[in-house]
Amino acid sequence: MNNSVGVDLKAICTIDHECVGCSTVAKSCCAKYDVCVTDAELNRIIPVLPEISKLCPHLKTDEGYANVFEEAEKGFHSIDTHDNDLCVFAYMDKGLIRCSLHSVEKNLGLPLGTVKPSVCILFPLTFSEAGDVLTLHDDALGCDCSSLRKKPSILISPDLLATIRHFGGENSA
């Protein structure tokens, strides 16, 4: 059985990508998509809720922490959003929208994916419908963090390369 995944280099090399935070909800991937996490991802988020709630105090309740997950289907849970559709784990820092799950990973020195869900790490990349090719999401340019390259390049932007390596190992790309 072959578990290899191809990489659509032609498409991926057409954009630059660096997540530095978004200035508006309308251009933030933290508001554009419904995010579902697996049981395993949910179980990695829950223990760090005390750290997450330091960035997102609205998650703290008198009884502990708000239940911001709803079972979507067996083994998957959707993450709640605010009224403006922004993920409940998003927070503002210096005027920019940031991901508390990502920030907590960095603050605690944890490897990427220890807390942040795979689907969030992956954006603006996605797997083909068959799951055998890593390519650009249809709306890859819909967020502030990605832009079309002015000059063609055969090099993958550093953040996208890190994502590819995260999902495919150090020998990827």
C-alpha atoms as a PDB file:
ATOM      1  CA  MET A   1       0.000   0.000   0.000  1.00  0.00           C
ATOM      2  CA  ASN A   2       1.402   3.407  -1.011  1.00  0.00           C
ATOM      3  CA  ASN A   3       0.631   6.253   1.414  1.00  0.00           C
ATOM      4  CA  SER A   4       2.575   8.905  -0.462  1.00  0.00           C
ATOM      5  CA  VAL A   5       1.031  12.265  -1.160  1.00  0.00           C
ATOM      6  CA  GLY A   6       1.952  14.403  -4.134  1.00  0.00           C
ATOM      7  CA  VAL A   7       2.599  18.130  -3.886  1.00  0.00           C
ATOM      8  CA  ASP A   8       1.193  20.489  -6.515  1.00  0.00           C
ATOM      9  CA  LEU A   9       4.343  22.615  -6.731  1.00  0.00           C
ATOM     10  CA  LYS A  10       3.111  24.619  -9.727  1.00  0.00           C
ATOM     11  CA  ALA A  11       0.098  25.923  -7.786  1.00  0.00           C
ATOM     12  CA  ILE A  12       1.823  26.298  -4.422  1.00  0.00           C
ATOM     13  CA  CYS A  13       4.723  28.285  -5.889  1.00  0.00           C
ATOM     14  CA  THR A  14       2.313  30.940  -7.218  1.00  0.00           C
ATOM     15  CA  ILE A  15       1.729  32.470  -3.780  1.00  0.00           C
ATOM     16  CA  ASP A  16       3.603  33.910  -0.859  1.00  0.00           C
ATOM     17  CA  HIS A  17       2.220  33.043   2.538  1.00  0.00           C
ATOM     18  CA  GLU A  18       3.091  34.214   6.018  1.00  0.00           C
ATOM     19  CA  CYS A  19       0.645  34.320   8.885  1.00  0.00           C
ATOM     20  CA  VAL A  20       1.315  37.521  10.803  1.00  0.00           C
ATOM     21  CA  GLY A  21      -2.254  38.089  11.961  1.00  0.00           C
ATOM     22  CA  CYS A  22      -5.190  39.542  10.081  1.00  0.00           C
ATOM     23  CA  SER A  23      -6.390  43.116  10.284  1.00  0.00           C
ATOM     24  CA  THR A  24     -10.074  42.411   9.586  1.00  0.00           C
ATOM     25  CA  VAL A  25     -12.490  39.585  10.311  1.00  0.00           C
ATOM     26  CA  ALA A  26     -13.578  39.549   6.649  1.00  0.00           C
ATOM     27  CA  LYS A  27     -10.044  38.636   5.503  1.00  0.00           C
ATOM     28  CA  SER A  28      -9.265  36.162   8.297  1.00  0.00           C
ATOM     29  CA  CYS A  29      -9.231  32.383   7.884  1.00  0.00           C
ATOM     30  CA  CYS A  30     -10.256  32.331  11.563  1.00  0.00           C
ATOM     31  CA  ALA A  31     -13.681  33.569  10.446  1.00  0.00           C
ATOM     32  CA  LYS A  32     -14.121  32.167   6.966  1.00  0.00           C
ATOM     33  CA  TYR A  33     -14.368  28.457   7.688  1.00  0.00           C
ATOM     34  CA  ASP A  34     -16.158  26.073   9.997  1.00  0.00           C
ATOM     35  CA  VAL A  35     -13.490  24.127  11.824  1.00  0.00           C
ATOM     36  CA  CYS A  36     -13.989  20.593  13.020  1.00  0.00           C
ATOM     37  CA  VAL A  37     -11.503  18.837  15.252  1.00  0.00           C
ATOM     38  CA  THR A  38     -11.061  15.148  15.867  1.00  0.00           C
ATOM     39  CA  ASP A  39     -11.525  13.547  19.268  1.00  0.00           C
ATOM     40  CA  ALA A  40      -7.717  13.428  19.583  1.00  0.00           C
ATOM     41  CA  GLU A  41      -7.358  17.148  18.758  1.00  0.00           C
ATOM     42  CA  LEU A  42     -10.123  18.039  21.213  1.00  0.00           C
ATOM     43  CA  ASN A  43      -8.321  16.051  23.899  1.00  0.00           C
ATOM     44  CA  ARG A  44      -5.110  17.996  23.222  1.00  0.00           C
ATOM     45  CA  ILE A  45      -6.886  21.388  23.461  1.00  0.00           C
ATOM     46  CA  ILE A  46      -8.748  20.790  26.726  1.00  0.00           C
ATOM     47  CA  PRO A  47      -5.681  20.460  29.020  1.00  0.00           C
ATOM     48  CA  VAL A  48      -4.298  23.819  27.865  1.00  0.00           C
ATOM     49  CA  LEU A  49      -7.554  25.767  28.321  1.00  0.00           C
ATOM     50  CA  PRO A  50      -6.035  27.583  31.339  1.00  0.00           C
ATOM     51  CA  GLU A  51      -3.285  28.968  29.060  1.00  0.00           C
ATOM     52  CA  ILE A  52      -5.710  29.635  26.191  1.00  0.00           C
ATOM     53  CA  SER A  53      -8.082  31.544  28.499  1.00  0.00           C
ATOM     54  CA  LYS A  54      -5.270  33.981  29.354  1.00  0.00           C
ATOM     55  CA  LEU A  55      -5.506  35.141  25.726  1.00  0.00           C
ATOM     56  CA  CYS A  56      -9.262  34.509  25.414  1.00  0.00           C
ATOM     57  CA  PRO A  57     -10.769  35.407  28.818  1.00  0.00           C
ATOM     58  CA  HIS A  58     -14.303  34.887  27.466  1.00  0.00           C
ATOM     59  CA  LEU A  59     -13.612  31.137  27.683  1.00  0.00           C
ATOM     60  CA  LYS A  60     -13.373  31.253  31.495  1.00  0.00           C
ATOM     61  CA  THR A  61     -16.627  30.705  33.400  1.00  0.00           C
ATOM     62  CA  ASP A  62     -17.530  30.487  37.087  1.00  0.00           C
ATOM     63  CA  GLU A  63     -17.645  26.698  36.703  1.00  0.00           C
ATOM     64  CA  GLY A  64     -14.366  26.413  34.764  1.00  0.00           C
ATOM     65  CA  TYR A  65     -14.367  26.838  30.987  1.00  0.00           C
ATOM     66  CA  ALA A  66     -17.060  27.301  28.375  1.00  0.00           C
ATOM     67  CA  ASN A  67     -17.904  24.265  26.264  1.00  0.00           C
ATOM     68  CA  VAL A  68     -17.117  25.649  22.814  1.00  0.00           C
ATOM     69  CA  PHE A  69     -17.334  22.322  21.001  1.00  0.00           C
ATOM     70  CA  GLU A  70     -20.371  20.731  19.448  1.00  0.00           C
ATOM     71  CA  GLU A  71     -20.389  17.172  18.184  1.00  0.00           C
ATOM     72  CA  ALA A  72     -20.610  17.380  14.397  1.00  0.00           C
ATOM     73  CA  GLU A  73     -20.496  13.654  13.732  1.00  0.00           C
ATOM     74  CA  LYS A  74     -19.004  10.668  15.484  1.00  0.00           C
ATOM     75  CA  GLY A  75     -15.385  11.500  16.276  1.00  0.00           C
ATOM     76  CA  PHE A  76     -15.575  15.158  15.135  1.00  0.00           C
ATOM     77  CA  HIS A  77     -16.467  18.350  16.983  1.00  0.00           C
ATOM     78  CA  SER A  78     -17.074  21.800  15.517  1.00  0.00           C
ATOM     79  CA  ILE A  79     -15.537  24.814  17.224  1.00  0.00           C
ATOM     80  CA  ASP A  80     -17.968  27.595  18.141  1.00  0.00           C
ATOM     81  CA  THR A  81     -17.711  31.069  16.696  1.00  0.00           C
ATOM     82  CA  HIS A  82     -18.631  34.528  17.946  1.00  0.00           C
ATOM     83  CA  ASP A  83     -21.551  36.447  16.424  1.00  0.00           C
ATOM     84  CA  ASN A  84     -19.144  37.896  13.826  1.00  0.00           C
ATOM     85  CA  ASP A  85     -18.184  34.323  12.784  1.00  0.00           C
ATOM     86  CA  LEU A  86     -14.708  34.641  14.294  1.00  0.00           C
ATOM     87  CA  CYS A  87     -13.451  31.449  15.961  1.00  0.00           C
ATOM     88  CA  VAL A  88     -13.756  31.561  19.759  1.00  0.00           C
ATOM     89  CA  PHE A  89     -10.032  30.786  19.967  1.00  0.00           C
ATOM     90  CA  ALA A  90      -9.116  33.923  18.006  1.00  0.00           C
ATOM     91  CA  TYR A  91      -7.977  36.993  19.921  1.00  0.00           C
ATOM     92  CA  MET A  92      -6.743  40.498  19.159  1.00  0.00           C
ATOM     93  CA  ASP A  93      -3.102  41.409  19.680  1.00  0.00           C
ATOM     94  CA  LYS A  94      -1.736  44.790  18.607  1.00  0.00           C
ATOM     95  CA  GLY A  95      -4.724  45.293  16.323  1.00  0.00           C
ATOM     96  CA  LEU A  96      -4.356  41.930  14.583  1.00  0.00           C
ATOM     97  CA  ILE A  97      -6.407  38.740  14.827  1.00  0.00           C
ATOM     98  CA  ARG A  98      -4.322  35.865  16.160  1.00  0.00           C
ATOM     99  CA  CYS A  99      -4.924  32.201  16.996  1.00  0.00           C
ATOM    100  CA  SER A 100      -4.652  31.436  20.710  1.00  0.00           C
ATOM    101  CA  LEU A 101      -4.055  27.743  19.985  1.00  0.00           C
ATOM    102  CA  HIS A 102      -1.025  28.628  17.870  1.00  0.00           C
ATOM    103  CA  SER A 103       0.190  31.203  20.394  1.00  0.00           C
ATOM    104  CA  VAL A 104      -0.092  28.764  23.300  1.00  0.00           C
ATOM    105  CA  GLU A 105       1.946  26.186  21.373  1.00  0.00           C
ATOM    106  CA  LYS A 106       4.669  28.757  20.798  1.00  0.00           C
ATOM    107  CA  ASN A 107       4.515  30.155  24.362  1.00  0.00           C
ATOM    108  CA  LEU A 108       4.841  26.672  25.874  1.00  0.00           C
ATOM    109  CA  GLY A 109       7.512  25.578  23.397  1.00  0.00           C
ATOM    110  CA  LEU A 110       5.327  22.791  22.037  1.00  0.00           C
ATOM    111  CA  PRO A 111       5.736  21.356  18.537  1.00  0.00           C
ATOM    112  CA  LEU A 112       3.343  22.552  15.841  1.00  0.00           C
ATOM    113  CA  GLY A 113       0.163  20.495  15.938  1.00  0.00           C
ATOM    114  CA  THR A 114       0.334  19.740  19.643  1.00  0.00           C
ATOM    115  CA  VAL A 115      -2.641  22.048  20.227  1.00  0.00           C
ATOM    116  CA  LYS A 116      -3.536  23.692  16.905  1.00  0.00           C
ATOM    117  CA  PRO A 117      -5.824  21.499  14.749  1.00  0.00           C
ATOM    118  CA  SER A 118      -4.464  20.070  11.508  1.00  0.00           C
ATOM    119  CA  VAL A 119      -7.039  21.820   9.325  1.00  0.00           C
ATOM    120  CA  CYS A 120      -5.921  25.195  10.714  1.00  0.00           C
ATOM    121  CA  ILE A 121      -2.239  24.416  10.251  1.00  0.00           C
ATOM    122  CA  LEU A 122      -2.907  23.329   6.691  1.00  0.00           C
ATOM    123  CA  PHE A 123      -4.544  26.534   5.401  1.00  0.00           C
ATOM    124  CA  PRO A 124      -4.054  27.860   2.668  1.00  0.00           C
ATOM    125  CA  LEU A 125      -3.172  24.361   1.543  1.00  0.00           C
ATOM    126  CA  THR A 126      -5.625  21.519   1.215  1.00  0.00           C
ATOM    127  CA  PHE A 127      -5.653  17.949   0.078  1.00  0.00           C
ATOM    128  CA  SER A 128      -7.269  17.024  -3.216  1.00  0.00           C
ATOM    129  CA  GLU A 129     -10.645  15.322  -3.024  1.00  0.00           C
ATOM    130  CA  ALA A 130      -8.922  11.949  -3.409  1.00  0.00           C
ATOM    131  CA  GLY A 131      -6.512  12.950  -0.618  1.00  0.00           C
ATOM    132  CA  ASP A 132      -3.446  12.163  -2.698  1.00  0.00           C
ATOM    133  CA  VAL A 133      -2.235  15.660  -3.632  1.00  0.00           C
ATOM    134  CA  LEU A 134      -1.440  18.655  -1.440  1.00  0.00           C
ATOM    135  CA  THR A 135      -2.466  21.806  -3.308  1.00  0.00           C
ATOM    136  CA  LEU A 136      -3.818  25.325  -2.796  1.00  0.00           C
ATOM    137  CA  HIS A 137      -7.214  25.831  -1.213  1.00  0.00           C
ATOM    138  CA  ASP A 138      -9.721  27.389  -3.644  1.00  0.00           C
ATOM    139  CA  ASP A 139      -9.789  30.516  -1.465  1.00  0.00           C
ATOM    140  CA  ALA A 140      -6.053  30.635  -0.704  1.00  0.00           C
ATOM    141  CA  LEU A 141      -5.905  34.311  -1.668  1.00  0.00           C
ATOM    142  CA  GLY A 142      -9.016  35.211   0.339  1.00  0.00           C
ATOM    143  CA  CYS A 143      -7.054  35.926   3.503  1.00  0.00           C
ATOM    144  CA  ASP A 144      -4.519  38.614   4.355  1.00  0.00           C
ATOM    145  CA  CYS A 145      -1.739  36.099   4.924  1.00  0.00           C
ATOM    146  CA  SER A 146      -1.459  35.006   1.270  1.00  0.00           C
ATOM    147  CA  SER A 147      -0.688  36.979  -1.872  1.00  0.00           C
ATOM    148  CA  LEU A 148      -0.070  36.186  -5.501  1.00  0.00           C
ATOM    149  CA  ARG A 149       3.602  36.382  -6.373  1.00  0.00           C
ATOM    150  CA  LYS A 150       4.579  39.225  -8.668  1.00  0.00           C
ATOM    151  CA  LYS A 151       7.363  37.129 -10.238  1.00  0.00           C
ATOM    152  CA  PRO A 152       7.225  33.385 -10.945  1.00  0.00           C
ATOM    153  CA  SER A 153       9.344  31.246  -8.658  1.00  0.00           C
ATOM    154  CA  ILE A 154      10.244  27.600  -8.256  1.00  0.00           C
ATOM    155  CA  LEU A 155      10.679  28.109  -4.507  1.00  0.00           C
ATOM    156  CA  ILE A 156       7.949  27.456  -1.959  1.00  0.00           C
ATOM    157  CA  SER A 157       7.395  30.237   0.576  1.00  0.00           C
ATOM    158  CA  PRO A 158       9.014  29.299   3.937  1.00  0.00           C
ATOM    159  CA  ASP A 159       5.732  29.032   5.891  1.00  0.00           C
ATOM    160  CA  LEU A 160       4.185  26.766   3.259  1.00  0.00           C
ATOM    161  CA  LEU A 161       7.321  24.648   3.165  1.00  0.00           C
ATOM    162  CA  ALA A 162       7.105  24.237   6.948  1.00  0.00           C
ATOM    163  CA  THR A 163       3.478  23.126   6.564  1.00  0.00           C
ATOM    164  CA  ILE A 164       4.369  20.604   3.863  1.00  0.00           C
ATOM    165  CA  ARG A 165       7.150  19.220   6.048  1.00  0.00           C
ATOM    166  CA  HIS A 166       4.791  19.053   9.032  1.00  0.00           C
ATOM    167  CA  PHE A 167       2.370  16.857   7.114  1.00  0.00           C
ATOM    168  CA  GLY A 168       4.833  14.941   4.982  1.00  0.00           C
ATOM    169  CA  GLY A 169       8.011  14.721   6.983  1.00  0.00           C
ATOM    170  CA  GLU A 170      11.415  16.332   6.646  1.00  0.00           C
ATOM    171  CA  ASN A 171      12.048  14.774   3.220  1.00  0.00           C
ATOM    172  CA  SER A 172       9.018  16.517   1.701  1.00  0.00           C
ATOM    173  CA  ALA A 173       9.369  19.189  -0.943  1.00  0.00           C
END
